[in-house]
Amino acid sequence: MKVNYGFQNYPESISRDVDIPDWSLPQMLAESVRKHPDAEAMSFYGQKTTYKQLADAVSLFASRLQQAGIQKGDRVAIMLPNSPHFVISYYGILTAGAVVTQVNPMLVERELAHILQDSGAKAIVALDAVYPRVKAVESESDVSTVVVVSLQPSGVSFAPDVTFEEFLEQGKTVPVTPVSVDPAEDLAILQYTGGTTGRSKGAMLTHRNLLANVIQSYEFFKDEFRPGQDRCLTVIPLFHVFGMTSCMNLTLYTGSSLVLLPRFDIKEVLETIQREKPTTFPGVPTMYVALTNYPGVESYGVNSIRTCNSGSAPMPVELLREFERKTGAKILEGYGLSEASPTTHCNPPFTERKPGSVGVGFPSTEYKIVDTETGEHEMPVGELGELVVRGPQVMKGYWNMPEETAKTLRDGWLYTGDIAKMDEDGYLYIMDRKKDLIIASGYNVYPREIEEVIYEHPAVKEAAVVGVADPYRGETVKAFIVLKDGASCTEEEMSAYCKANMAPYKVPKLIEFRTELPKTNVGKVLRRTLRETEAEAAAGSQGEGKA
């Protein structure tokens, strides 16, 4: 018996269990190419690409990878913003039988080096702007091929190893060699998540995991889709698991079009909406904040958007209502995590939405709330506990981390580490996130990772990092620092040091120097106390403002 309390909300037209074709992701794309060869697959600043053109480019890329020595199971990294090059590289790598290693282009050298070393990547497709970072750490990795993408014609001010266009051209000399893939066993993606222990972990997602989440999404939202006609505004990063599945893979499965933007620039997004008339817009709350507050937003034709899927961070209820009032679109807030490809829950389009909840479970997805001590006893309705999920979208495990895998996957259940409760209708409410996780503008920020960088500063004795409420980013990063006796350091100096050693979204926006940090009786720093103090201070200042 499946443990999915949300099934009671499903109409007869929505299947509770889905059949997943025995396809690899390239086979999924091939099916869409067969059905819609001349339909638009991608639009990028007015440049249109049909499904047939996409398939041809994917084959060329895969062939050239094979010529470069890439074999089945080898890892190939992508360090790109949203663009046609990302989609071609992604499916080209998979067509060659290799595994995509997702890399955020904002990572600094030390972070990039870790992922390349840990994954054992043999090649990387990188934006020209990050090329110097790649070359700086290349000798510390197994990378032997660097393919450079330029989004601006004059963007390259150096001699790259090989440009993306040259790489595709070279692929014309030899046809791609078909590779046999076992969708249930063979990896498609290494999706790196921030590590609460300071080491980021590669979630191993198979072809079946990812295809399953696409099929589950399609079934859940099928009354919202217009296959072959929808246009998905794709500004959430494709290197993020949410963008990868909910934008790229799902849109290509339905034979619809990706409207690609490499970054979220509010004016550019609105002009794109006006020009391209997208019908769906998966995003994060900070994007909806910016759109809602932009003067005259209604004049840009935002009413072309029917559905928005919000993920990665909690969606404030008032923001949801205001955005819907201005645009006419429905925001369906959901929940997921990298380890689940990513979506497990969403507010349903076919029945009551409950603002503040993340909805009900997807088809073929089981979930329950268990006690936080043993994880073995199911909690009653309304009681807090740890959310555990089970389904075909759940990862195979963590790359080269058997102990972490054993802790997280137990008897097929994925222990999310998220504290949640469920109501009598099966709607899920996330009450607290994985211990100390900070979500700033949709990005996962792990305090331990930042603290380790700060601890390397010669003047630092102790450091603790927490998330504090921020009206735009959702949360922002604050560092509490105790200096060594006799040492000196200013906020400006510490900020500059952090900017040089970590990605911009991880850099503390607030820095407070203290003489000591709150600790337990065994000396463990109490981040919880720091968070509570900040929350109380914020509440106090708001109260004073109202007075």
Protein backbone atom coordinates (compact mmCIF):
# COMPACT_ATOMS: atom_id res chain seq x y z
CA MET A 1 0.00 0.00 0.00
CA LYS A 2 1.37 3.38 -1.04
CA VAL A 3 1.75 5.93 1.74
CA ASN A 4 0.54 9.05 -0.08
CA TYR A 5 -2.14 10.89 1.82
CA GLY A 6 -2.51 13.40 -0.98
CA PHE A 7 -4.00 10.87 -3.40
CA GLN A 8 -7.43 11.51 -1.89
CA ASN A 9 -7.34 14.90 -3.63
CA TYR A 10 -6.68 13.48 -7.10
CA PRO A 11 -9.53 13.53 -9.64
CA GLU A 12 -10.11 10.39 -11.72
CA SER A 13 -8.31 11.99 -14.67
CA ILE A 14 -4.96 12.10 -12.78
CA SER A 15 -3.20 8.76 -12.33
CA ARG A 16 -1.90 7.93 -8.88
CA ASP A 17 0.83 5.79 -10.39
CA VAL A 18 2.63 6.50 -13.63
CA ASP A 19 4.21 4.18 -16.16
CA ILE A 20 7.77 5.22 -16.95
CA PRO A 21 9.02 4.31 -20.42
CA ASP A 22 12.28 2.36 -20.52
CA TRP A 23 14.03 5.31 -22.15
CA SER A 24 17.25 7.18 -21.63
CA LEU A 25 16.95 10.97 -21.74
CA PRO A 26 18.33 11.09 -25.33
CA GLN A 27 15.60 8.61 -26.31
CA MET A 28 13.05 10.92 -24.71
CA LEU A 29 14.36 13.79 -26.83
CA ALA A 30 14.41 11.62 -29.95
CA GLU A 31 10.71 10.86 -29.46
CA SER A 32 9.92 14.60 -29.35
CA VAL A 33 12.06 15.17 -32.45
CA ARG A 34 10.11 12.42 -34.25
CA LYS A 35 6.78 14.02 -33.34
CA HIS A 36 7.73 17.69 -33.77
CA PRO A 37 10.76 17.94 -36.13
CA ASP A 38 9.96 21.43 -37.40
CA ALA A 39 8.56 22.86 -34.17
CA GLU A 40 10.55 25.43 -32.19
CA ALA A 41 12.59 23.82 -29.42
CA MET A 42 14.52 26.90 -28.24
CA SER A 43 14.44 30.67 -28.56
CA PHE A 44 17.47 32.72 -27.49
CA TYR A 45 17.43 36.48 -28.11
CA GLY A 46 15.43 35.92 -31.28
CA GLN A 47 17.55 32.99 -32.51
CA LYS A 48 15.18 30.06 -33.09
CA THR A 49 16.17 26.38 -33.07
CA THR A 50 13.86 23.61 -34.27
CA TYR A 51 13.76 20.13 -32.78
CA LYS A 52 15.49 18.73 -35.87
CA GLN A 53 18.25 21.34 -35.63
CA LEU A 54 18.69 20.60 -31.94
CA ALA A 55 18.96 16.86 -32.62
CA ASP A 56 21.59 17.42 -35.32
CA ALA A 57 23.70 19.61 -33.02
CA VAL A 58 23.40 17.07 -30.18
CA SER A 59 24.67 14.30 -32.47
CA LEU A 60 27.64 16.40 -33.61
CA PHE A 61 28.56 17.24 -30.03
CA ALA A 62 28.29 13.60 -28.94
CA SER A 63 30.41 12.44 -31.87
CA ARG A 64 33.14 14.96 -31.09
CA LEU A 65 33.20 13.92 -27.43
CA GLN A 66 33.69 10.32 -28.50
CA GLN A 67 36.50 11.38 -30.82
CA ALA A 68 38.09 13.14 -27.83
CA GLY A 69 38.15 9.83 -25.96
CA ILE A 70 35.03 10.24 -23.82
CA GLN A 71 33.57 6.81 -23.08
CA LYS A 72 30.44 5.50 -21.43
CA GLY A 73 30.32 6.52 -17.76
CA ASP A 74 32.95 9.27 -18.05
CA ARG A 75 32.00 12.55 -16.42
CA VAL A 76 31.82 15.77 -18.43
CA ALA A 77 31.19 19.08 -16.66
CA ILE A 78 29.00 21.95 -17.85
CA MET A 79 29.75 25.39 -16.42
CA LEU A 80 27.34 27.58 -18.39
CA PRO A 81 24.42 29.95 -17.93
CA ASN A 82 21.19 29.28 -19.81
CA SER A 83 21.76 29.19 -23.57
CA PRO A 84 21.30 26.79 -26.50
CA HIS A 85 24.89 25.65 -25.84
CA PHE A 86 23.82 24.28 -22.45
CA VAL A 87 20.99 22.20 -23.91
CA ILE A 88 23.15 20.88 -26.77
CA SER A 89 26.02 20.03 -24.41
CA TYR A 90 23.71 18.35 -21.89
CA TYR A 91 22.06 16.04 -24.37
CA GLY A 92 25.29 15.58 -26.35
CA ILE A 93 27.09 14.33 -23.24
CA LEU A 94 24.26 11.91 -22.48
CA THR A 95 24.10 10.73 -26.10
CA ALA A 96 27.81 9.89 -25.89
CA GLY A 97 26.99 7.72 -22.87
CA ALA A 98 28.75 10.06 -20.45
CA VAL A 99 27.52 11.67 -17.21
CA VAL A 100 26.76 15.39 -16.91
CA THR A 101 28.44 17.09 -13.95
CA GLN A 102 26.57 20.31 -13.18
CA VAL A 103 28.74 23.30 -12.18
CA ASN A 104 27.49 26.72 -11.10
CA PRO A 105 29.39 29.37 -13.15
CA MET A 106 29.68 31.53 -10.03
CA LEU A 107 31.92 29.08 -8.20
CA VAL A 108 35.43 30.30 -7.41
CA GLU A 109 38.58 28.28 -8.07
CA ARG A 110 38.65 26.29 -4.83
CA GLU A 111 35.00 25.28 -5.21
CA LEU A 112 35.42 24.38 -8.88
CA ALA A 113 38.55 22.36 -8.12
CA HIS A 114 36.68 20.25 -5.57
CA ILE A 115 33.88 19.33 -7.98
CA LEU A 116 36.25 18.53 -10.85
CA GLN A 117 38.45 16.42 -8.59
CA ASP A 118 35.58 14.66 -6.83
CA SER A 119 33.69 13.85 -10.03
CA GLY A 120 36.82 12.92 -11.99
CA ALA A 121 35.51 14.96 -14.95
CA LYS A 122 37.56 14.45 -18.13
CA ALA A 123 36.16 17.43 -20.03
CA ILE A 124 34.32 20.65 -19.35
CA VAL A 125 32.15 23.01 -21.39
CA ALA A 126 32.67 26.47 -19.92
CA LEU A 127 31.69 30.08 -20.52
CA ASP A 128 34.53 32.29 -21.73
CA ALA A 129 34.18 34.46 -18.60
CA VAL A 130 35.04 31.48 -16.36
CA TYR A 131 37.77 30.08 -18.63
CA PRO A 132 40.62 31.56 -16.54
CA ARG A 133 39.23 29.80 -13.44
CA VAL A 134 39.05 26.51 -15.30
CA LYS A 135 42.62 26.83 -16.55
CA ALA A 136 43.84 27.74 -13.06
CA VAL A 137 42.65 24.41 -11.63
CA GLU A 138 42.92 22.21 -14.72
CA SER A 139 46.25 20.70 -13.65
CA GLU A 140 44.68 19.58 -10.36
CA SER A 141 42.02 17.58 -12.21
CA ASP A 142 41.61 14.92 -14.91
CA VAL A 143 40.25 17.46 -17.39
CA SER A 144 41.92 17.18 -20.81
CA THR A 145 39.33 18.92 -23.01
CA VAL A 146 37.99 22.45 -22.42
CA VAL A 147 35.26 23.65 -24.79
CA VAL A 148 34.68 27.41 -24.57
CA VAL A 149 31.33 29.11 -25.15
CA SER A 150 31.04 32.80 -25.99
CA LEU A 151 27.61 34.40 -25.83
CA GLN A 152 28.99 37.67 -27.22
CA PRO A 153 30.78 37.67 -30.62
CA SER A 154 33.75 39.59 -29.18
CA GLY A 155 33.67 37.92 -25.81
CA VAL A 156 36.94 35.98 -26.16
CA SER A 157 40.07 37.96 -25.32
CA PHE A 158 42.33 34.91 -25.20
CA ALA A 159 43.12 31.81 -27.23
CA PRO A 160 40.74 29.11 -25.97
CA ASP A 161 41.45 25.39 -26.22
CA VAL A 162 38.58 25.02 -28.67
CA THR A 163 35.43 27.08 -29.20
CA PHE A 164 32.01 25.50 -29.07
CA GLU A 165 31.49 26.16 -32.78
CA GLU A 166 34.82 24.57 -33.70
CA PHE A 167 34.00 21.56 -31.55
CA LEU A 168 30.67 21.04 -33.34
CA GLU A 169 32.31 21.45 -36.74
CA GLN A 170 34.87 18.77 -35.92
CA GLY A 171 32.02 16.42 -35.00
CA LYS A 172 30.94 16.27 -38.65
CA THR A 173 33.82 14.00 -39.64
CA VAL A 174 32.64 10.87 -37.82
CA PRO A 175 29.07 9.76 -37.04
CA VAL A 176 28.18 9.26 -33.40
CA THR A 177 28.58 5.71 -32.09
CA PRO A 178 25.37 4.49 -30.41
CA VAL A 179 25.81 3.67 -26.73
CA SER A 180 23.65 1.16 -24.86
CA VAL A 181 22.22 2.67 -21.67
CA ASP A 182 20.39 0.96 -18.81
CA PRO A 183 18.06 3.78 -17.69
CA ALA A 184 17.54 2.35 -14.21
CA GLU A 185 21.21 1.81 -13.44
CA ASP A 186 23.29 4.18 -15.56
CA LEU A 187 23.92 7.67 -14.25
CA ALA A 188 22.83 10.71 -16.23
CA ILE A 189 23.71 13.50 -13.79
CA LEU A 190 25.95 14.29 -10.86
CA GLN A 191 24.01 17.08 -9.15
CA TYR A 192 26.24 18.64 -6.50
CA THR A 193 24.58 19.84 -3.33
CA GLY A 194 26.23 21.98 -0.67
CA GLY A 195 27.68 19.89 2.13
CA THR A 196 26.59 20.49 5.70
CA THR A 197 29.90 18.92 6.63
CA GLY A 198 31.73 21.43 4.45
CA ARG A 199 32.07 19.03 1.53
CA SER A 200 29.56 19.20 -1.31
CA LYS A 201 28.02 15.90 -2.33
CA GLY A 202 27.23 14.62 -5.81
CA ALA A 203 23.69 13.23 -5.94
CA MET A 204 23.71 10.36 -8.45
CA LEU A 205 20.64 10.69 -10.66
CA THR A 206 19.95 7.99 -13.23
CA HIS A 207 18.18 8.41 -16.57
CA ARG A 208 15.14 6.73 -15.01
CA ASN A 209 15.17 9.08 -11.99
CA LEU A 210 15.05 12.14 -14.23
CA LEU A 211 12.58 10.75 -16.77
CA ALA A 212 10.35 9.63 -13.90
CA ASN A 213 10.18 13.15 -12.51
CA VAL A 214 9.32 14.50 -15.96
CA ILE A 215 6.50 11.94 -16.37
CA GLN A 216 5.26 12.60 -12.82
CA SER A 217 5.25 16.36 -13.48
CA TYR A 218 3.41 15.95 -16.75
CA GLU A 219 0.73 13.74 -15.21
CA PHE A 220 0.23 16.09 -12.25
CA PHE A 221 -0.03 19.21 -14.44
CA LYS A 222 -1.43 17.65 -17.62
CA ASP A 223 -4.56 19.78 -17.67
CA GLU A 224 -2.30 22.85 -17.65
CA PHE A 225 -0.14 21.80 -20.60
CA ARG A 226 -0.65 22.48 -24.29
CA PRO A 227 1.90 20.10 -25.84
CA GLY A 228 3.68 21.60 -28.81
CA GLN A 229 2.30 25.05 -28.03
CA ASP A 230 3.62 26.05 -24.61
CA ARG A 231 6.54 28.43 -24.23
CA CYS A 232 8.55 28.09 -21.01
CA LEU A 233 10.32 31.21 -19.77
CA THR A 234 13.61 29.64 -18.69
CA VAL A 235 15.56 32.10 -16.58
CA ILE A 236 16.04 29.90 -13.51
CA PRO A 237 19.49 28.31 -14.03
CA LEU A 238 19.56 24.99 -15.88
CA PHE A 239 22.54 23.92 -13.74
CA HIS A 240 20.06 23.98 -10.84
CA VAL A 241 18.09 20.74 -10.57
CA PHE A 242 14.76 22.64 -10.53
CA GLY A 243 15.53 24.43 -13.80
CA MET A 244 16.96 21.27 -15.37
CA THR A 245 13.78 19.23 -14.79
CA SER A 246 10.91 21.72 -14.59
CA CYS A 247 12.11 23.87 -17.49
CA MET A 248 14.42 21.98 -19.85
CA ASN A 249 13.51 18.30 -19.65
CA LEU A 250 9.78 18.76 -19.10
CA THR A 251 9.43 21.31 -21.92
CA LEU A 252 11.35 19.14 -24.39
CA TYR A 253 9.29 16.10 -23.38
CA THR A 254 6.08 17.97 -24.30
CA GLY A 255 7.45 19.18 -27.64
CA SER A 256 7.18 22.80 -26.55
CA SER A 257 9.68 25.68 -26.62
CA LEU A 258 12.32 26.92 -24.18
CA VAL A 259 12.60 30.72 -24.05
CA LEU A 260 16.15 30.97 -22.69
CA LEU A 261 17.68 33.84 -20.74
CA PRO A 262 21.18 33.59 -19.19
CA ARG A 263 20.42 35.76 -16.15
CA PHE A 264 17.58 37.42 -14.31
CA ASP A 265 17.57 41.07 -15.35
CA ILE A 266 14.11 42.45 -14.60
CA LYS A 267 13.91 44.77 -17.63
CA GLU A 268 15.19 42.08 -19.98
CA VAL A 269 12.79 39.51 -18.55
CA LEU A 270 9.81 41.83 -19.06
CA GLU A 271 10.87 42.71 -22.62
CA THR A 272 11.25 39.00 -23.33
CA ILE A 273 7.77 38.31 -21.95
CA GLN A 274 6.38 41.06 -24.15
CA ARG A 275 8.15 39.71 -27.25
CA GLU A 276 7.99 35.92 -26.76
CA LYS A 277 4.67 35.58 -24.87
CA PRO A 278 5.67 32.66 -22.63
CA THR A 279 2.87 30.58 -21.10
CA THR A 280 4.74 29.02 -18.15
CA PHE A 281 7.33 30.48 -15.81
CA PRO A 282 9.05 28.27 -13.22
CA GLY A 283 10.95 30.48 -10.81
CA VAL A 284 11.97 31.33 -7.27
CA PRO A 285 10.27 33.86 -4.97
CA THR A 286 12.87 36.60 -5.49
CA MET A 287 12.00 36.64 -9.21
CA TYR A 288 8.31 37.05 -8.44
CA VAL A 289 9.17 39.80 -5.92
CA ALA A 290 11.02 41.75 -8.60
CA LEU A 291 8.21 41.37 -11.15
CA THR A 292 5.46 42.24 -8.67
CA ASN A 293 7.20 45.43 -7.58
CA TYR A 294 8.22 46.64 -11.05
CA PRO A 295 6.32 49.82 -12.03
CA GLY A 296 3.86 49.21 -14.85
CA VAL A 297 4.48 45.46 -14.96
CA GLU A 298 0.99 44.87 -16.37
CA SER A 299 1.87 46.78 -19.57
CA TYR A 300 4.39 44.10 -20.63
CA GLY A 301 1.82 41.45 -21.49
CA VAL A 302 2.52 39.34 -18.42
CA ASN A 303 -1.00 37.93 -18.72
CA SER A 304 0.34 35.51 -21.37
CA ILE A 305 1.71 33.48 -18.43
CA ARG A 306 -0.83 30.95 -17.18
CA THR A 307 1.17 28.97 -14.65
CA CYS A 308 4.16 29.61 -12.43
CA ASN A 309 5.88 26.87 -10.44
CA SER A 310 7.64 28.30 -7.41
CA GLY A 311 10.39 26.32 -5.74
CA SER A 312 13.78 26.42 -3.99
CA ALA A 313 12.58 28.70 -1.17
CA PRO A 314 9.37 29.42 0.78
CA MET A 315 6.86 31.63 -1.02
CA PRO A 316 5.40 34.43 1.13
CA VAL A 317 1.60 34.22 0.99
CA GLU A 318 1.10 37.96 0.43
CA LEU A 319 3.58 37.96 -2.45
CA LEU A 320 1.74 35.05 -4.06
CA ARG A 321 -1.57 36.90 -3.92
CA GLU A 322 -0.16 40.18 -5.21
CA PHE A 323 1.68 38.52 -8.10
CA GLU A 324 -1.45 36.64 -9.15
CA ARG A 325 -3.54 39.80 -8.93
CA LYS A 326 -1.19 41.68 -11.25
CA THR A 327 -0.49 38.92 -13.77
CA GLY A 328 -3.54 36.67 -13.73
CA ALA A 329 -1.21 33.67 -13.48
CA LYS A 330 -1.47 30.86 -10.95
CA ILE A 331 1.51 30.24 -8.69
CA LEU A 332 1.81 26.63 -7.63
CA GLU A 333 4.33 26.33 -4.83
CA GLY A 334 6.10 23.01 -4.57
CA TYR A 335 8.85 21.16 -2.78
CA GLY A 336 11.80 19.12 -3.86
CA LEU A 337 15.47 18.46 -3.37
CA SER A 338 18.42 17.49 -5.54
CA GLU A 339 18.26 13.95 -4.23
CA ALA A 340 14.75 13.56 -5.71
CA SER A 341 15.36 14.92 -9.22
CA PRO A 342 13.92 17.24 -7.63
CA THR A 343 10.13 17.44 -7.21
CA THR A 344 8.10 15.37 -4.75
CA HIS A 345 5.22 17.75 -3.87
CA CYS A 346 3.29 20.65 -5.32
CA ASN A 347 0.08 22.55 -4.77
CA PRO A 348 -2.34 20.94 -7.21
CA PRO A 349 -3.83 22.80 -10.18
CA PHE A 350 -6.85 20.48 -10.10
CA THR A 351 -8.18 21.20 -6.59
CA GLU A 352 -7.69 23.46 -3.59
CA ARG A 353 -4.41 25.29 -3.23
CA LYS A 354 -3.34 25.98 0.33
CA PRO A 355 -1.01 29.00 0.54
CA GLY A 356 1.77 28.32 3.00
CA SER A 357 1.83 24.62 2.16
CA VAL A 358 3.88 22.88 -0.55
CA GLY A 359 0.90 20.83 -1.60
CA VAL A 360 0.47 17.10 -2.00
CA GLY A 361 2.66 14.28 -3.27
CA PHE A 362 3.34 13.64 -6.94
CA PRO A 363 2.07 10.45 -8.63
CA SER A 364 4.05 7.34 -7.64
CA THR A 365 5.46 9.27 -4.67
CA GLU A 366 5.07 8.07 -1.10
CA TYR A 367 5.66 10.33 1.87
CA LYS A 368 5.19 10.38 5.60
CA ILE A 369 6.33 12.26 8.70
CA VAL A 370 8.46 10.26 11.13
CA ASP A 371 9.94 10.98 14.55
CA THR A 372 13.23 12.85 14.48
CA GLU A 373 14.97 10.62 17.01
CA THR A 374 14.81 7.21 15.32
CA GLY A 375 13.06 7.94 12.03
CA GLU A 376 11.02 4.78 12.51
CA HIS A 377 7.71 5.92 13.99
CA GLU A 378 5.12 7.74 11.93
CA MET A 379 3.79 10.94 13.45
CA PRO A 380 0.07 11.78 13.75
CA VAL A 381 -1.59 14.43 11.57
CA GLY A 382 -0.45 17.92 12.57
CA GLU A 383 2.61 16.72 14.51
CA LEU A 384 6.10 17.82 13.57
CA GLY A 385 8.70 15.31 12.42
CA GLU A 386 11.13 14.54 9.62
CA LEU A 387 9.78 14.24 6.10
CA VAL A 388 10.72 11.02 4.32
CA VAL A 389 9.82 10.23 0.70
CA ARG A 390 10.01 7.26 -1.62
CA GLY A 391 9.53 7.06 -5.37
CA PRO A 392 11.16 6.42 -8.75
CA GLN A 393 12.68 9.93 -8.76
CA VAL A 394 14.82 9.28 -5.66
CA MET A 395 18.56 9.22 -6.35
CA LYS A 396 20.78 6.17 -6.50
CA GLY A 397 22.99 7.62 -3.75
CA TYR A 398 25.86 10.05 -3.21
CA TRP A 399 28.92 9.80 -5.43
CA ASN A 400 31.77 8.03 -3.61
CA MET A 401 30.06 8.57 -0.23
CA PRO A 402 28.65 5.22 0.97
CA GLU A 403 28.27 6.32 4.60
CA GLU A 404 26.32 9.46 3.69
CA THR A 405 24.21 7.37 1.32
CA ALA A 406 23.39 4.85 4.06
CA LYS A 407 22.30 7.67 6.40
CA THR A 408 20.08 9.29 3.80
CA LEU A 409 18.57 6.26 2.04
CA ARG A 410 17.00 3.68 4.35
CA ASP A 411 14.80 0.86 3.06
CA GLY A 412 14.18 2.89 -0.07
CA TRP A 413 13.07 5.98 1.89
CA LEU A 414 14.87 9.27 1.38
CA TYR A 415 15.35 11.01 4.72
CA THR A 416 15.16 14.67 3.76
CA GLY A 417 16.31 16.19 7.06
CA ASP A 418 13.47 18.70 6.69
CA ILE A 419 11.07 19.20 9.59
CA ALA A 420 7.48 19.16 8.39
CA LYS A 421 3.88 18.44 9.30
CA MET A 422 0.89 17.21 7.35
CA ASP A 423 -2.76 18.22 7.61
CA GLU A 424 -5.80 15.96 7.42
CA ASP A 425 -5.97 16.40 3.62
CA GLY A 426 -2.39 15.27 3.08
CA TYR A 427 -1.03 18.76 2.37
CA LEU A 428 2.57 19.17 3.47
CA TYR A 429 3.99 22.11 5.42
CA ILE A 430 7.76 22.55 5.65
CA MET A 431 8.42 24.07 9.06
CA ASP A 432 12.19 24.15 9.14
CA ARG A 433 14.89 23.33 6.64
CA LYS A 434 17.85 21.09 6.91
CA LYS A 435 19.29 22.25 10.17
CA ASP A 436 21.21 25.38 9.33
CA LEU A 437 20.62 25.64 5.59
CA ILE A 438 20.27 29.21 4.29
CA ILE A 439 18.30 29.84 1.09
CA ALA A 440 19.28 33.20 -0.38
CA SER A 441 17.62 34.17 -3.68
CA GLY A 442 16.89 30.51 -4.32
CA TYR A 443 20.50 29.36 -3.79
CA ASN A 444 21.35 26.86 -1.09
CA VAL A 445 24.02 28.26 1.21
CA TYR A 446 25.61 26.03 3.83
CA PRO A 447 27.06 27.88 6.86
CA ARG A 448 29.84 25.37 7.50
CA GLU A 449 31.27 25.91 4.01
CA ILE A 450 31.47 29.68 4.57
CA GLU A 451 32.81 29.29 8.10
CA GLU A 452 35.67 27.15 6.87
CA VAL A 453 36.76 29.90 4.49
CA ILE A 454 36.50 32.54 7.23
CA TYR A 455 38.48 30.37 9.63
CA GLU A 456 41.37 30.41 7.16
CA HIS A 457 41.76 34.18 7.69
CA PRO A 458 44.77 34.67 9.98
CA ALA A 459 42.96 37.11 12.28
CA VAL A 460 39.96 34.87 12.98
CA LYS A 461 39.53 32.91 16.18
CA GLU A 462 35.92 31.78 15.84
CA ALA A 463 33.14 32.19 13.30
CA ALA A 464 29.49 31.29 12.95
CA VAL A 465 27.23 31.92 9.97
CA VAL A 466 23.44 32.05 9.99
CA GLY A 467 20.64 33.17 7.71
CA VAL A 468 18.67 36.27 8.62
CA ALA A 469 15.38 37.41 7.11
CA ASP A 470 15.68 39.60 4.03
CA PRO A 471 12.65 41.14 2.27
CA TYR A 472 14.09 40.54 -1.22
CA ARG A 473 16.45 37.53 -1.04
CA GLY A 474 14.26 35.62 1.43
CA GLU A 475 17.31 35.18 3.61
CA THR A 476 20.72 36.76 3.59
CA VAL A 477 24.00 35.54 5.04
CA LYS A 478 25.34 36.98 8.30
CA ALA A 479 28.70 36.11 9.82
CA PHE A 480 29.52 36.46 13.52
CA ILE A 481 33.27 36.61 14.05
CA VAL A 482 35.57 36.57 17.09
CA LEU A 483 39.08 37.81 16.37
CA LYS A 484 42.26 36.44 17.89
CA ASP A 485 43.72 38.41 20.77
CA GLY A 486 45.69 41.36 19.43
CA ALA A 487 44.45 40.83 15.85
CA SER A 488 42.52 43.40 13.86
CA CYS A 489 40.21 43.20 10.86
CA THR A 490 37.50 45.49 9.55
CA GLU A 491 34.17 44.57 7.98
CA GLU A 492 35.45 45.85 4.65
CA GLU A 493 38.59 43.70 4.83
CA MET A 494 36.65 40.59 5.78
CA SER A 495 34.11 41.19 3.03
CA ALA A 496 36.89 41.57 0.44
CA TYR A 497 38.51 38.35 1.69
CA CYS A 498 35.24 36.44 1.37
CA LYS A 499 34.58 37.80 -2.13
CA ALA A 500 37.97 36.49 -3.22
CA ASN A 501 37.35 33.00 -1.85
CA MET A 502 33.72 32.09 -2.48
CA ALA A 503 30.89 32.52 -4.96
CA PRO A 504 29.06 35.88 -4.72
CA TYR A 505 25.79 34.43 -3.37
CA LYS A 506 27.68 32.88 -0.44
CA VAL A 507 29.48 36.06 0.65
CA PRO A 508 28.12 37.37 3.98
CA LYS A 509 26.18 40.58 3.41
CA LEU A 510 26.30 41.28 7.15
CA ILE A 511 29.34 40.90 9.40
CA GLU A 512 29.35 41.38 13.16
CA PHE A 513 32.45 41.15 15.35
CA ARG A 514 31.92 39.79 18.85
CA THR A 515 34.08 39.01 21.86
CA GLU A 516 32.50 35.54 22.18
CA LEU A 517 29.90 33.25 20.61
CA PRO A 518 27.12 31.39 22.44
CA LYS A 519 28.03 27.73 23.01
CA THR A 520 26.73 24.55 24.56
CA ASN A 521 28.41 23.16 27.68
CA VAL A 522 30.62 21.03 25.43
CA GLY A 523 31.75 24.03 23.41
CA LYS A 524 29.56 23.69 20.30
CA VAL A 525 28.56 27.04 18.83
CA LEU A 526 24.80 27.60 19.06
CA ARG A 527 23.76 28.90 15.65
CA ARG A 528 20.15 28.55 16.75
CA THR A 529 20.70 31.13 19.51
CA LEU A 530 22.24 33.55 17.04
CA ARG A 531 19.28 33.14 14.66
CA GLU A 532 16.79 33.68 17.47
CA THR A 533 18.63 36.81 18.65
CA GLU A 534 18.55 38.23 15.12
CA ALA A 535 14.85 37.42 14.74
CA GLU A 536 14.05 39.09 18.07
CA ALA A 537 16.06 42.17 17.11
CA ALA A 538 14.25 42.39 13.76
CA ALA A 539 10.86 42.02 15.45
CA GLY A 540 11.80 44.70 17.97
CA SER A 541 12.84 47.17 15.29
CA GLN A 542 9.59 46.56 13.38
CA GLY A 543 7.62 47.17 16.55
CA GLU A 544 9.45 50.43 17.17
CA GLY A 545 8.75 51.48 13.60
CA LYS A 546 5.03 50.86 14.03
CA ALA A 547 4.99 52.75 17.31
